[in-house]
Protein backbone atom coordinates (compact mmCIF):
# COMPACT_ATOMS: atom_id res chain seq x y z
CA MET A 1 36.43 -3.62 11.41
CA ASN A 2 37.47 -5.52 8.39
CA ASP A 3 35.83 -8.63 10.10
CA PHE A 4 32.47 -6.78 11.11
CA TRP A 5 32.13 -4.42 7.76
CA SER A 6 33.68 -5.19 4.10
CA TRP A 7 33.71 -2.36 1.44
CA ASP A 8 34.28 -5.38 -1.36
CA HIS A 9 30.99 -7.20 -0.32
CA ALA A 10 28.95 -3.71 0.07
CA ALA A 11 30.31 -2.83 -3.69
CA ALA A 12 29.26 -6.15 -4.92
CA VAL A 13 25.59 -6.59 -3.29
CA PHE A 14 25.06 -2.83 -4.32
CA PRO A 15 23.96 -3.31 -7.76
CA ASP A 16 21.73 -6.72 -6.66
CA LEU A 17 19.60 -4.36 -4.01
CA ILE A 18 19.44 -1.49 -6.84
CA LYS A 19 17.90 -3.95 -8.81
CA GLY A 20 15.70 -5.33 -5.95
CA LEU A 21 14.62 -1.66 -5.26
CA GLY A 22 13.10 -1.61 -8.73
CA ILE A 23 11.11 -4.36 -8.08
CA THR A 24 9.89 -3.10 -4.19
CA VAL A 25 8.88 0.37 -6.11
CA LEU A 26 6.92 -1.64 -9.05
CA ALA A 27 5.10 -3.29 -6.48
CA THR A 28 4.93 -0.97 -3.84
CA VAL A 29 3.36 1.22 -7.01
CA VAL A 30 1.03 -1.19 -8.29
CA GLY A 31 -0.48 -2.35 -5.00
CA MET A 32 -1.00 1.39 -3.73
CA ILE A 33 -3.04 1.92 -7.02
CA ILE A 34 -5.16 -1.33 -6.95
CA ALA A 35 -5.74 -0.15 -3.02
CA ALA A 36 -6.39 3.60 -3.93
CA VAL A 37 -9.08 2.57 -6.50
CA LEU A 38 -10.66 -0.58 -4.61
CA GLY A 39 -10.73 1.63 -1.30
CA LEU A 40 -12.64 4.63 -2.63
CA VAL A 41 -15.25 1.43 -4.13
CA VAL A 42 -15.63 -0.22 -0.99
CA ALA A 43 -15.92 2.96 0.95
CA ILE A 44 -18.87 4.05 -1.58
CA VAL A 45 -20.54 0.72 -1.21
CA ARG A 46 -20.33 0.67 2.39
CA ARG A 47 -22.91 3.49 2.60
CA SER A 48 -25.44 1.45 0.44
CA ARG A 49 -28.73 1.23 2.38
CA VAL A 50 -28.64 -2.08 1.25
CA ARG A 51 -28.04 -4.83 4.25
CA ALA A 52 -27.77 -7.67 1.29
CA VAL A 53 -24.52 -5.68 -0.14
CA THR A 54 -23.26 -4.10 2.70
CA MET A 55 -22.99 -6.95 5.22
CA PRO A 56 -20.87 -9.45 3.12
CA VAL A 57 -18.67 -6.47 1.88
CA GLY A 58 -18.44 -5.48 5.56
CA PHE A 59 -17.57 -9.36 6.83
CA LEU A 60 -15.01 -9.36 4.05
CA VAL A 61 -13.22 -6.24 5.03
CA GLU A 62 -13.29 -7.15 8.63
CA PHE A 63 -11.89 -10.36 7.46
CA ILE A 64 -9.05 -9.29 5.01
CA ARG A 65 -7.75 -6.80 8.25
CA SER A 66 -7.89 -9.49 11.32
CA THR A 67 -5.72 -12.15 9.44
CA PRO A 68 -1.82 -11.42 8.64
CA LEU A 69 -0.57 -10.14 5.22
CA LEU A 70 2.14 -12.74 5.45
CA VAL A 71 -0.51 -15.65 5.34
CA GLN A 72 -2.75 -13.84 3.07
CA LEU A 73 0.39 -13.23 0.36
CA VAL A 74 1.31 -17.31 1.18
CA PHE A 75 -2.26 -18.52 0.71
CA ALA A 76 -2.92 -16.72 -2.35
CA ASN A 77 0.52 -17.59 -3.95
CA LEU A 78 -0.39 -21.17 -3.35
CA MET A 79 -3.72 -21.06 -4.85
CA PHE A 80 -2.85 -18.91 -8.30
CA THR A 81 0.38 -20.88 -9.31
CA GLN A 82 -0.64 -19.97 -12.91
CA PHE A 83 0.51 -16.43 -12.25
CA PRO A 84 3.37 -14.63 -11.56
CA SER A 85 4.63 -14.54 -7.76
CA LEU A 86 5.07 -10.63 -8.55
CA ALA A 87 1.66 -10.19 -9.97
CA VAL A 88 0.00 -12.01 -6.93
CA GLY A 89 1.72 -10.10 -4.67
CA CYS A 90 0.78 -6.53 -5.69
CA VAL A 91 -3.02 -7.71 -5.91
CA VAL A 92 -2.51 -9.14 -2.62
CA LEU A 93 -1.03 -5.97 -0.75
CA GLY A 94 -3.63 -3.67 -2.65
CA ILE A 95 -6.72 -5.73 -1.77
CA HIS A 96 -4.84 -5.85 2.00
CA TYR A 97 -4.00 -1.79 2.24
CA ALA A 98 -7.78 -1.34 0.59
CA THR A 99 -9.21 -2.48 3.31
CA TYR A 100 -7.51 0.25 5.10
CA MET A 101 -7.98 3.07 2.71
CA SER A 102 -11.64 2.40 2.77
CA GLU A 103 -12.21 3.92 5.91
CA VAL A 104 -9.63 6.55 5.50
CA TYR A 105 -12.04 7.37 2.39
CA ARG A 106 -15.14 6.86 4.77
CA ALA A 107 -13.60 9.63 6.95
CA GLY A 108 -13.34 12.20 4.13
CA ILE A 109 -16.84 11.32 3.14
CA ASP A 110 -17.97 12.04 6.14
CA ALA A 111 -15.91 15.16 6.78
CA VAL A 112 -17.95 17.09 3.67
CA PRO A 113 -20.18 18.86 5.35
CA GLY A 114 -24.17 17.69 5.27
CA GLY A 115 -24.93 21.26 3.10
CA GLN A 116 -23.35 20.19 0.37
CA TRP A 117 -25.70 16.81 -0.18
CA GLU A 118 -28.41 19.21 0.43
CA ALA A 119 -27.23 21.73 -2.34
CA ALA A 120 -27.13 18.95 -4.70
CA VAL A 121 -29.98 17.85 -3.89
CA ALA A 122 -31.84 21.61 -4.28
CA LEU A 123 -30.06 21.51 -7.86
CA ASP A 124 -31.15 18.73 -8.89
CA LEU A 125 -28.27 16.61 -9.60
CA PRO A 126 -28.39 12.94 -10.20
CA ARG A 127 -26.60 10.76 -7.49
CA SER A 128 -23.91 9.90 -9.71
CA ARG A 129 -22.93 13.19 -10.87
CA THR A 130 -23.59 14.54 -6.83
CA TRP A 131 -20.45 11.80 -6.20
CA ARG A 132 -18.23 12.73 -8.94
CA ALA A 133 -18.72 16.80 -8.97
CA VAL A 134 -19.07 17.31 -5.66
CA ILE A 135 -18.64 14.90 -2.86
CA LEU A 136 -15.62 12.72 -4.02
CA PRO A 137 -13.61 16.11 -5.23
CA GLN A 138 -13.48 17.10 -1.44
CA ALA A 139 -13.48 14.03 0.68
CA ILE A 140 -10.31 12.91 -1.22
CA ARG A 141 -8.59 15.86 -1.11
CA ASN A 142 -9.05 15.33 2.68
CA THR A 143 -7.62 11.83 2.53
CA LEU A 144 -4.34 12.33 0.66
CA PRO A 145 -2.30 12.66 3.96
CA GLY A 146 -3.66 9.47 5.22
CA LEU A 147 -3.33 7.58 1.54
CA GLY A 148 0.33 8.51 1.55
CA ASN A 149 1.23 7.05 4.89
CA TYR A 150 -0.57 4.06 4.02
CA ALA A 151 1.75 4.40 0.83
CA ILE A 152 4.81 4.45 2.78
CA SER A 153 3.95 1.40 5.25
CA MET A 154 3.18 -0.57 1.99
CA PHE A 155 6.53 0.29 0.65
CA LYS A 156 7.66 -1.15 4.42
CA GLU A 157 6.28 -4.19 4.24
CA THR A 158 7.14 -5.49 0.37
CA PRO A 159 9.46 -7.46 2.22
CA PHE A 160 6.93 -10.24 2.54
CA LEU A 161 7.41 -10.68 -0.91
CA ALA A 162 10.46 -12.57 -0.32
CA PHE A 163 8.23 -15.70 1.64
CA ILE A 164 6.58 -15.96 -1.88
CA TYR A 165 10.09 -16.11 -4.16
CA VAL A 166 9.57 -12.31 -5.06
CA VAL A 167 13.40 -11.39 -5.43
CA GLU A 168 12.48 -7.63 -4.37
CA MET A 169 15.41 -5.61 -2.33
CA TYR A 170 14.95 -7.53 1.13
CA ALA A 171 15.33 -11.31 -0.82
CA ALA A 172 18.36 -9.76 -3.21
CA ALA A 173 20.26 -8.88 0.36
CA GLN A 174 19.58 -12.16 1.75
CA ALA A 175 20.49 -13.92 -1.26
CA TYR A 176 23.55 -12.65 -1.77
CA GLY A 177 24.30 -12.90 2.46
CA GLY A 178 23.23 -16.61 1.97
CA ALA A 179 25.85 -17.24 -0.97
CA ASN A 180 28.34 -15.24 0.16
CA PHE A 181 28.13 -15.68 4.22
CA ARG A 182 28.45 -12.04 4.19
CA TYR A 183 24.79 -10.75 5.85
CA ILE A 184 25.75 -7.15 7.93
CA GLU A 185 26.61 -5.75 4.27
CA ALA A 186 23.73 -6.41 2.29
CA ILE A 187 20.96 -5.98 5.26
CA THR A 188 22.17 -2.93 6.50
CA LEU A 189 22.45 -1.31 3.08
CA ALA A 190 18.79 -2.62 2.16
CA GLY A 191 17.68 -0.75 5.40
CA LEU A 192 19.80 2.27 4.12
CA LEU A 193 17.71 2.25 0.97
CA PHE A 194 14.59 1.89 2.78
CA LEU A 195 15.48 4.86 4.73
CA LEU A 196 16.07 6.88 1.88
CA VAL A 197 13.27 6.25 0.37
CA SER A 198 10.76 6.27 2.93
CA TYR A 199 12.18 9.05 5.06
CA PRO A 200 11.51 11.73 2.28
CA THR A 201 8.34 10.38 1.28
CA SER A 202 7.38 10.85 5.12
CA LEU A 203 8.37 14.50 5.54
CA LEU A 204 6.22 15.04 2.03
CA VAL A 205 3.00 13.45 3.68
CA ARG A 206 4.09 15.78 6.79
CA ARG A 207 3.97 18.68 4.85
CA MET A 208 0.97 17.54 3.02
CA GLU A 209 -0.93 17.15 6.52
CA ASN A 210 0.26 20.93 7.20
CA ARG A 211 -1.16 22.80 4.15
CA LEU A 212 -4.22 21.07 4.49
CA ALA A 213 -5.26 21.50 8.32
């Protein structure tokens, strides 16, 4: 057992993992904010009747969704070397997941009863106020569980940031393992920390889904 697992190494790597967890959570939160805002903008823009607008946006969305996140991270980090890798990683995560969240928003908007639009027209509400005061409050309420699921997915994909030299939790585990030739403790604890954060969040999202059903 001592050859397989060392509590001394587990204790030694734990502070590095906690520090890496802070970077992981930061990247997830910032990326989620970018994805939530940009995804909503994309969903609204794609409802435009102007094909000169919708076609380029639609192509860009499909292009991002059809290419691997890892490739996007490495490419962006090579292109924007003047920015910190963490900032590049947060933006890429946000843009990548915005393309998926835009579909969640689209479904939420489509789920708003047509009578709501008709009532807004009957009241002669400006289109901007119709969106802001009538459609979006109902649509976003319906999309919260879906957005929560994507937040969990983003959190679990932050280890890709290690490929652009961001020392998040997985990178911290790898660094300790490489320096001390002991990977099992570092990787196991990193996996447990991912589980301890993501599992309660998934339960919260499931509870939200049941309440909104």
